[in-house]
C-alpha cells in the first residue's frame, strides 16, 4: 500500500516542537549546560559545582576564585560560544558565582 501523506523525520520533529515550545526551550537549555563542559573543557568542568538556566540566564557556581575572575573577563565571548554550540540563542546573560 502506498502512502501519500508522508513526511520526513525532520519535518515531523519540527512540527512537534512548533506545537510544544516549552519542551523545545528545555531541550535548548540542556544543550547549553552540556556546552559548558564541551566548550571550556574538563578542567573547568572539574571546578564547576552547579550549572542551570533560568529565564535565558546561565548561572554557574565555581569552586575556584581565580577561574571565576578569568571567566568573568571573557563573559561575552563565552555567551557567544555557548549559543553557537547550542545552535540557538539560548542564553542572553551569564552569572558566575
Protein backbone atom coordinates (compact mmCIF):
# COMPACT_ATOMS: atom_id res chain seq x y z
CA UNK A 1 0.00 0.00 0.00
CA UNK A 2 1.37 3.38 -1.00
CA UNK A 3 1.05 6.26 1.45
CA UNK A 4 0.55 9.71 0.00
CA UNK A 5 0.84 11.75 3.19
CA UNK A 6 4.46 11.03 4.10
CA UNK A 7 6.84 13.34 5.94
CA UNK A 8 10.49 13.08 6.79
CA UNK A 9 11.52 12.67 10.42
CA UNK A 10 12.92 16.19 10.42
CA UNK A 11 9.57 17.64 9.33
CA UNK A 12 7.71 15.63 11.97
CA UNK A 13 10.08 16.79 14.72
CA UNK A 14 9.88 20.41 13.54
CA UNK A 15 6.08 20.26 13.64
CA UNK A 16 6.17 18.65 17.08
CA UNK A 17 8.45 21.31 18.56
CA UNK A 18 6.43 24.13 16.98
CA UNK A 19 3.44 22.84 18.93
CA UNK A 20 5.43 22.27 22.16
CA UNK A 21 7.64 25.33 22.58
CA UNK A 22 8.28 24.73 26.31
CA UNK A 23 9.77 21.34 25.53
CA UNK A 24 11.96 22.83 22.81
CA UNK A 25 13.21 25.58 25.14
CA UNK A 26 14.04 23.00 27.82
CA UNK A 27 15.97 20.95 25.29
CA UNK A 28 17.97 24.05 24.28
CA UNK A 29 18.73 24.74 27.96
CA UNK A 30 20.12 21.21 28.33
CA UNK A 31 22.27 21.77 25.24
CA UNK A 32 23.74 24.89 26.86
CA UNK A 33 24.50 23.00 30.07
CA UNK A 34 26.32 20.32 28.05
CA UNK A 35 28.09 23.01 26.05
CA UNK A 36 29.71 24.34 29.22
CA UNK A 37 31.79 21.18 29.55
CA UNK A 38 32.43 20.82 25.83
CA UNK A 39 33.42 24.42 25.12
CA UNK A 40 35.50 25.04 28.25
CA UNK A 41 36.96 21.56 28.70
CA UNK A 42 37.31 19.05 31.53
CA UNK A 43 39.48 21.25 33.79
CA UNK A 44 36.84 23.97 34.03
CA UNK A 45 34.17 21.31 34.44
CA UNK A 46 36.17 19.95 37.38
CA UNK A 47 35.82 23.30 39.18
CA UNK A 48 32.14 23.69 38.25
CA UNK A 49 29.85 22.92 41.15
CA UNK A 50 26.40 23.87 39.88
CA UNK A 51 25.06 24.96 36.50
CA UNK A 52 21.50 25.80 35.48
CA UNK A 53 19.49 28.06 33.15
CA UNK A 54 16.62 30.25 34.28
CA UNK A 55 14.92 32.91 32.12
CA UNK A 56 17.68 32.76 29.47
CA UNK A 57 20.38 33.41 32.08
CA UNK A 58 23.05 30.78 32.70
CA UNK A 59 24.05 30.50 36.37
CA UNK A 60 27.35 28.79 37.14
CA UNK A 61 28.90 28.14 40.55
CA UNK A 62 32.65 27.63 40.62
CA UNK A 63 34.96 26.50 43.40
CA UNK A 64 37.98 28.44 42.14
CA UNK A 65 38.03 32.21 42.62
CA UNK A 66 40.88 32.62 40.13
CA UNK A 67 38.96 30.77 37.44
CA UNK A 68 35.85 32.77 38.29
CA UNK A 69 37.60 36.08 37.73
CA UNK A 70 39.14 34.87 34.45
CA UNK A 71 35.77 33.72 33.10
CA UNK A 72 34.05 36.94 34.14
CA UNK A 73 36.51 38.86 31.96
CA UNK A 74 35.51 36.91 28.84
CA UNK A 75 31.77 36.65 29.60
CA UNK A 76 30.52 37.97 26.24
CA UNK A 77 32.73 35.59 24.28
CA UNK A 78 31.51 32.69 26.43
CA UNK A 79 27.86 33.56 25.80
CA UNK A 80 28.51 33.67 22.07
CA UNK A 81 30.38 30.34 22.08
CA UNK A 82 27.73 28.57 24.16
CA UNK A 83 24.93 29.83 21.91
CA UNK A 84 26.85 28.71 18.82
CA UNK A 85 27.32 25.26 20.32
CA UNK A 86 23.60 25.02 21.15
CA UNK A 87 22.75 26.31 17.64
CA UNK A 88 20.23 28.76 19.11
CA UNK A 89 20.09 31.96 21.12
CA UNK A 90 19.58 30.08 24.35
CA UNK A 91 21.16 32.47 26.83
CA UNK A 92 21.44 36.24 26.95
CA UNK A 93 23.46 36.61 30.16
CA UNK A 94 25.92 34.65 32.27
CA UNK A 95 26.17 34.84 36.07
CA UNK A 96 29.29 33.29 37.55
CA UNK A 97 29.31 32.77 41.31
